[in-house]
Amino acid sequence: MQMPRLQISTTDARVGIQTRNAELTYQQPKAEVSIRQPKADVSIRQPDGELRIDQSKARSNLHLKSSAERSRQTEQFGEQKAMEGSARRAREGDELMRIENGGNLIASQAKRNYGYEIDYQMGNTPVHELVNIDYTAREAEINIQKNDPQINITPRYPQYSYQPGGVNISLLQEPSITIDWKV
């Protein structure tokens, strides 16, 4: 005998899943920056130095003397000659006091005192050591006024857009169970 048999058949459920990814777009524009650096204000003042040149020794060496120096030398020369003249006259007076000793004293004195000598000395060529040069430099006056940079910034904010993603779940096939008796 045949026994009835139980036959069960099932159909699985089929699920459909559709996904849509999220979309994010992001953009960061660069900021606008402008920098301007003004030049520093600089002023330089150079005071004149002081130059002193003393060439009196060189001029004196060439006998090109100032009137004050000539007067001083002439005074010294006259004083010296006056002293020499006084001494000569005293000496000649002493000689004349001894006239009794004989000799031709008056003629010999006249011969000695006749005429005069001119003693002129040419000057020498001046050399650099005879000229005194003195220079005093003055420090430069430097004033600097710095100018700060001028910086202008215009920020650019980020730009973005977002589309959210999604998931759609659907039942493509429903599950089923079929139970059947088969002989």
C-alpha atoms as a PDB file:
ATOM      1  CA  MET A   1       0.000   0.000   0.000  1.00  0.00           C
ATOM      2  CA  GLN A   2       1.074   3.285  -0.666  1.00  0.00           C
ATOM      3  CA  MET A   3       1.090   5.782   1.968  1.00  0.00           C
ATOM      4  CA  PRO A   4       0.120   9.216   1.301  1.00  0.00           C
ATOM      5  CA  ARG A   5       2.976  11.477   1.530  1.00  0.00           C
ATOM      6  CA  LEU A   6       3.022  15.021   2.719  1.00  0.00           C
ATOM      7  CA  GLN A   7       4.688  17.345   0.291  1.00  0.00           C
ATOM      8  CA  ILE A   8       5.611  20.840   1.420  1.00  0.00           C
ATOM      9  CA  SER A   9       7.018  23.355  -0.976  1.00  0.00           C
ATOM     10  CA  THR A  10       8.114  26.819  -0.033  1.00  0.00           C
ATOM     11  CA  THR A  11       8.972  29.885  -1.951  1.00  0.00           C
ATOM     12  CA  ASP A  12      11.478  32.199  -0.416  1.00  0.00           C
ATOM     13  CA  ALA A  13      10.822  35.832  -0.090  1.00  0.00           C
ATOM     14  CA  ARG A  14      12.898  38.007  -2.309  1.00  0.00           C
ATOM     15  CA  VAL A  15      13.771  41.416  -1.042  1.00  0.00           C
ATOM     16  CA  GLY A  16      14.925  44.166  -3.362  1.00  0.00           C
ATOM     17  CA  ILE A  17      17.217  46.819  -1.962  1.00  0.00           C
ATOM     18  CA  GLN A  18      18.077  49.965  -3.902  1.00  0.00           C
ATOM     19  CA  THR A  19      20.538  52.387  -2.444  1.00  0.00           C
ATOM     20  CA  ARG A  20      21.309  55.884  -3.497  1.00  0.00           C
ATOM     21  CA  ASN A  21      24.612  57.207  -2.207  1.00  0.00           C
ATOM     22  CA  ALA A  22      24.696  60.543  -0.445  1.00  0.00           C
ATOM     23  CA  GLU A  23      26.245  63.337  -2.494  1.00  0.00           C
ATOM     24  CA  LEU A  24      28.448  65.962  -0.922  1.00  0.00           C
ATOM     25  CA  THR A  25      30.122  68.639  -2.989  1.00  0.00           C
ATOM     26  CA  TYR A  26      32.547  70.937  -1.242  1.00  0.00           C
ATOM     27  CA  GLN A  27      34.411  73.896  -2.624  1.00  0.00           C
ATOM     28  CA  GLN A  28      36.712  76.270  -0.756  1.00  0.00           C
ATOM     29  CA  PRO A  29      37.483  79.394  -2.782  1.00  0.00           C
ATOM     30  CA  LYS A  30      40.741  81.108  -1.900  1.00  0.00           C
ATOM     31  CA  ALA A  31      40.508  84.233   0.182  1.00  0.00           C
ATOM     32  CA  GLU A  32      41.310  87.497  -1.546  1.00  0.00           C
ATOM     33  CA  VAL A  33      44.425  88.969  -0.003  1.00  0.00           C
ATOM     34  CA  SER A  34      46.083  92.202  -0.994  1.00  0.00           C
ATOM     35  CA  ILE A  35      49.278  93.331   0.676  1.00  0.00           C
ATOM     36  CA  ARG A  36      50.817  96.715   0.081  1.00  0.00           C
ATOM     37  CA  GLN A  37      54.104  97.605   1.728  1.00  0.00           C
ATOM     38  CA  PRO A  38      54.727 101.349   1.639  1.00  0.00           C
ATOM     39  CA  LYS A  39      58.382 102.285   1.488  1.00  0.00           C
ATOM     40  CA  ALA A  40      59.960 103.498   4.688  1.00  0.00           C
ATOM     41  CA  ASP A  41      60.472 107.237   5.002  1.00  0.00           C
ATOM     42  CA  VAL A  42      64.231 107.795   5.107  1.00  0.00           C
ATOM     43  CA  SER A  43      65.924 111.133   5.515  1.00  0.00           C
ATOM     44  CA  ILE A  44      69.683 111.497   5.566  1.00  0.00           C
ATOM     45  CA  ARG A  45      71.381 114.756   6.446  1.00  0.00           C
ATOM     46  CA  GLN A  46      75.140 114.988   6.259  1.00  0.00           C
ATOM     47  CA  PRO A  47      76.437 118.044   8.116  1.00  0.00           C
ATOM     48  CA  ASP A  48      79.525 119.568   6.582  1.00  0.00           C
ATOM     49  CA  GLY A  49      82.802 118.490   8.094  1.00  0.00           C
ATOM     50  CA  GLU A  50      85.291 121.053   9.315  1.00  0.00           C
ATOM     51  CA  LEU A  51      88.524 121.380   7.354  1.00  0.00           C
ATOM     52  CA  ARG A  52      91.373 123.488   8.715  1.00  0.00           C
ATOM     53  CA  ILE A  53      94.477 124.093   6.635  1.00  0.00           C
ATOM     54  CA  ASP A  54      97.380 125.935   8.235  1.00  0.00           C
ATOM     55  CA  GLN A  55     100.012 126.746   5.654  1.00  0.00           C
ATOM     56  CA  SER A  56     101.739 129.484   7.599  1.00  0.00           C
ATOM     57  CA  LYS A  57     104.888 127.342   8.044  1.00  0.00           C
ATOM     58  CA  ALA A  58     105.068 126.650   4.307  1.00  0.00           C
ATOM     59  CA  ARG A  59     104.523 130.341   3.495  1.00  0.00           C
ATOM     60  CA  SER A  60     107.154 131.294   6.065  1.00  0.00           C
ATOM     61  CA  ASN A  61     109.523 128.807   4.430  1.00  0.00           C
ATOM     62  CA  LEU A  62     109.061 130.728   1.151  1.00  0.00           C
ATOM     63  CA  HIS A  63     109.363 134.086   2.956  1.00  0.00           C
ATOM     64  CA  LEU A  64     105.741 134.805   2.178  1.00  0.00           C
ATOM     65  CA  LYS A  65     104.912 135.916   5.698  1.00  0.00           C
ATOM     66  CA  SER A  66     101.886 137.712   7.053  1.00  0.00           C
ATOM     67  CA  SER A  67     102.257 141.367   8.013  1.00  0.00           C
ATOM     68  CA  ALA A  68     101.974 140.513  11.724  1.00  0.00           C
ATOM     69  CA  GLU A  69     104.766 137.947  11.426  1.00  0.00           C
ATOM     70  CA  ARG A  70     106.909 140.344   9.370  1.00  0.00           C
ATOM     71  CA  SER A  71     106.405 143.077  11.979  1.00  0.00           C
ATOM     72  CA  ARG A  72     107.369 140.692  14.795  1.00  0.00           C
ATOM     73  CA  GLN A  73     110.515 139.570  12.934  1.00  0.00           C
ATOM     74  CA  THR A  74     111.426 143.152  12.047  1.00  0.00           C
ATOM     75  CA  GLU A  75     111.026 144.142  15.698  1.00  0.00           C
ATOM     76  CA  GLN A  76     113.269 141.275  16.825  1.00  0.00           C
ATOM     77  CA  PHE A  77     115.799 142.113  14.104  1.00  0.00           C
ATOM     78  CA  GLY A  78     115.784 145.848  15.015  1.00  0.00           C
ATOM     79  CA  GLU A  79     116.200 145.059  18.710  1.00  0.00           C
ATOM     80  CA  GLN A  80     119.102 142.731  17.979  1.00  0.00           C
ATOM     81  CA  LYS A  81     120.803 145.321  15.696  1.00  0.00           C
ATOM     82  CA  ALA A  82     120.280 148.085  18.270  1.00  0.00           C
ATOM     83  CA  MET A  83     121.952 145.927  20.931  1.00  0.00           C
ATOM     84  CA  GLU A  84     124.784 145.090  18.528  1.00  0.00           C
ATOM     85  CA  GLY A  85     125.111 148.818  17.648  1.00  0.00           C
ATOM     86  CA  SER A  86     125.269 149.840  21.313  1.00  0.00           C
ATOM     87  CA  ALA A  87     127.915 147.202  21.994  1.00  0.00           C
ATOM     88  CA  ARG A  88     129.902 148.312  18.914  1.00  0.00           C
ATOM     89  CA  ARG A  89     129.772 151.972  19.955  1.00  0.00           C
ATOM     90  CA  ALA A  90     130.892 151.121  23.490  1.00  0.00           C
ATOM     91  CA  ARG A  91     133.771 149.076  22.063  1.00  0.00           C
ATOM     92  CA  GLU A  92     134.746 151.887  19.663  1.00  0.00           C
ATOM     93  CA  GLY A  93     134.518 154.419  22.531  1.00  0.00           C
ATOM     94  CA  ASP A  94     136.886 152.269  24.574  1.00  0.00           C
ATOM     95  CA  GLU A  95     139.263 152.138  21.590  1.00  0.00           C
ATOM     96  CA  LEU A  96     139.147 155.932  21.231  1.00  0.00           C
ATOM     97  CA  MET A  97     139.931 156.349  24.949  1.00  0.00           C
ATOM     98  CA  ARG A  98     143.224 154.576  24.265  1.00  0.00           C
ATOM     99  CA  ILE A  99     144.117 156.747  21.272  1.00  0.00           C
ATOM    100  CA  GLU A 100     147.351 157.585  22.971  1.00  0.00           C
ATOM    101  CA  ASN A 101     148.549 154.085  22.284  1.00  0.00           C
ATOM    102  CA  GLY A 102     148.927 155.024  18.682  1.00  0.00           C
ATOM    103  CA  GLY A 103     147.583 153.640  15.474  1.00  0.00           C
ATOM    104  CA  ASN A 104     145.076 155.015  13.100  1.00  0.00           C
ATOM    105  CA  LEU A 105     141.957 154.141  15.065  1.00  0.00           C
ATOM    106  CA  ILE A 106     139.503 156.565  13.452  1.00  0.00           C
ATOM    107  CA  ALA A 107     140.393 155.387   9.927  1.00  0.00           C
ATOM    108  CA  SER A 108     140.162 151.708  10.887  1.00  0.00           C
ATOM    109  CA  GLN A 109     136.776 152.285  12.556  1.00  0.00           C
ATOM    110  CA  ALA A 110     135.515 154.159   9.493  1.00  0.00           C
ATOM    111  CA  LYS A 111     136.694 151.339   7.254  1.00  0.00           C
ATOM    112  CA  ARG A 112     134.893 148.735   9.403  1.00  0.00           C
ATOM    113  CA  ASN A 113     131.638 150.713   9.495  1.00  0.00           C
ATOM    114  CA  TYR A 114     131.626 151.631   5.798  1.00  0.00           C
ATOM    115  CA  GLY A 115     128.729 150.141   3.764  1.00  0.00           C
ATOM    116  CA  TYR A 116     126.282 147.469   4.833  1.00  0.00           C
ATOM    117  CA  GLU A 117     125.451 143.943   3.948  1.00  0.00           C
ATOM    118  CA  ILE A 118     122.163 142.722   2.648  1.00  0.00           C
ATOM    119  CA  ASP A 119     121.453 139.216   3.704  1.00  0.00           C
ATOM    120  CA  TYR A 120     118.533 137.882   1.711  1.00  0.00           C
ATOM    121  CA  GLN A 121     117.822 134.196   1.915  1.00  0.00           C
ATOM    122  CA  MET A 122     115.668 132.562  -0.662  1.00  0.00           C
ATOM    123  CA  GLY A 123     112.990 130.372   0.842  1.00  0.00           C
ATOM    124  CA  ASN A 124     112.838 126.675   0.292  1.00  0.00           C
ATOM    125  CA  THR A 125     110.165 124.859  -1.600  1.00  0.00           C
ATOM    126  CA  PRO A 126     107.400 123.914   0.870  1.00  0.00           C
ATOM    127  CA  VAL A 127     106.916 120.269   1.562  1.00  0.00           C
ATOM    128  CA  HIS A 128     103.783 118.524   2.685  1.00  0.00           C
ATOM    129  CA  GLU A 129     105.034 118.320   6.276  1.00  0.00           C
ATOM    130  CA  LEU A 130     104.927 122.111   6.549  1.00  0.00           C
ATOM    131  CA  VAL A 131     101.201 122.263   5.790  1.00  0.00           C
ATOM    132  CA  ASN A 132      98.972 121.217   8.694  1.00  0.00           C
ATOM    133  CA  ILE A 133      95.671 119.740   7.568  1.00  0.00           C
ATOM    134  CA  ASP A 134      93.039 118.884  10.148  1.00  0.00           C
ATOM    135  CA  TYR A 135      89.639 117.492   9.164  1.00  0.00           C
ATOM    136  CA  THR A 136      86.828 116.860  11.624  1.00  0.00           C
ATOM    137  CA  ALA A 137      84.038 114.762  10.158  1.00  0.00           C
ATOM    138  CA  ARG A 138      80.470 115.070  11.412  1.00  0.00           C
ATOM    139  CA  GLU A 139      78.231 112.048  11.786  1.00  0.00           C
ATOM    140  CA  ALA A 140      75.403 111.647   9.325  1.00  0.00           C
ATOM    141  CA  GLU A 141      71.921 112.157  10.749  1.00  0.00           C
ATOM    142  CA  ILE A 142      69.792 109.273   9.532  1.00  0.00           C
ATOM    143  CA  ASN A 143      66.082 109.158  10.359  1.00  0.00           C
ATOM    144  CA  ILE A 144      64.022 106.136   9.370  1.00  0.00           C
ATOM    145  CA  GLN A 145      60.271 105.984   9.819  1.00  0.00           C
ATOM    146  CA  LYS A 146      58.948 102.552   8.991  1.00  0.00           C
ATOM    147  CA  ASN A 147      55.518 102.174   7.467  1.00  0.00           C
ATOM    148  CA  ASP A 148      53.498  99.132   8.421  1.00  0.00           C
ATOM    149  CA  PRO A 149      52.204  96.907   5.652  1.00  0.00           C
ATOM    150  CA  GLN A 150      48.601  97.399   4.595  1.00  0.00           C
ATOM    151  CA  ILE A 151      46.931  94.001   4.490  1.00  0.00           C
ATOM    152  CA  ASN A 152      43.355  93.572   3.255  1.00  0.00           C
ATOM    153  CA  ILE A 153      41.742  90.168   3.470  1.00  0.00           C
ATOM    154  CA  THR A 154      38.339  89.219   2.070  1.00  0.00           C
ATOM    155  CA  PRO A 155      37.478  85.741   3.315  1.00  0.00           C
ATOM    156  CA  ARG A 156      35.625  83.304   1.088  1.00  0.00           C
ATOM    157  CA  TYR A 157      33.489  80.876   2.978  1.00  0.00           C
ATOM    158  CA  PRO A 158      33.238  77.235   1.958  1.00  0.00           C
ATOM    159  CA  GLN A 159      30.482  76.309  -0.474  1.00  0.00           C
ATOM    160  CA  TYR A 160      28.967  72.912  -0.144  1.00  0.00           C
ATOM    161  CA  SER A 161      25.811  71.040  -1.067  1.00  0.00           C
ATOM    162  CA  TYR A 162      24.559  67.808   0.410  1.00  0.00           C
ATOM    163  CA  GLN A 163      22.067  65.382  -1.054  1.00  0.00           C
ATOM    164  CA  PRO A 164      21.249  62.715   1.474  1.00  0.00           C
ATOM    165  CA  GLY A 165      21.409  59.153   0.313  1.00  0.00           C
ATOM    166  CA  GLY A 166      18.592  56.712   0.684  1.00  0.00           C
ATOM    167  CA  VAL A 167      17.704  53.081   0.819  1.00  0.00           C
ATOM    168  CA  ASN A 168      14.538  51.647  -0.796  1.00  0.00           C
ATOM    169  CA  ILE A 169      13.624  48.205   0.328  1.00  0.00           C
ATOM    170  CA  SER A 170      10.881  46.385  -1.525  1.00  0.00           C
ATOM    171  CA  LEU A 171       9.504  42.919  -1.448  1.00  0.00           C
ATOM    172  CA  LEU A 172      10.011  41.490  -4.879  1.00  0.00           C
ATOM    173  CA  GLN A 173       8.518  38.110  -4.088  1.00  0.00           C
ATOM    174  CA  GLU A 174       6.380  37.150  -1.157  1.00  0.00           C
ATOM    175  CA  PRO A 175       7.175  33.997   0.624  1.00  0.00           C
ATOM    176  CA  SER A 176       4.775  31.168   0.345  1.00  0.00           C
ATOM    177  CA  ILE A 177       4.251  27.678   1.706  1.00  0.00           C
ATOM    178  CA  THR A 178       2.300  25.059  -0.128  1.00  0.00           C
ATOM    179  CA  ILE A 179       1.368  21.876   1.667  1.00  0.00           C
ATOM    180  CA  ASP A 180       0.074  19.041  -0.431  1.00  0.00           C
ATOM    181  CA  TRP A 181      -0.739  15.376   0.086  1.00  0.00           C
ATOM    182  CA  LYS A 182       0.485  13.090  -2.580  1.00  0.00           C
ATOM    183  CA  VAL A 183      -0.578   9.494  -2.851  1.00  0.00           C
END
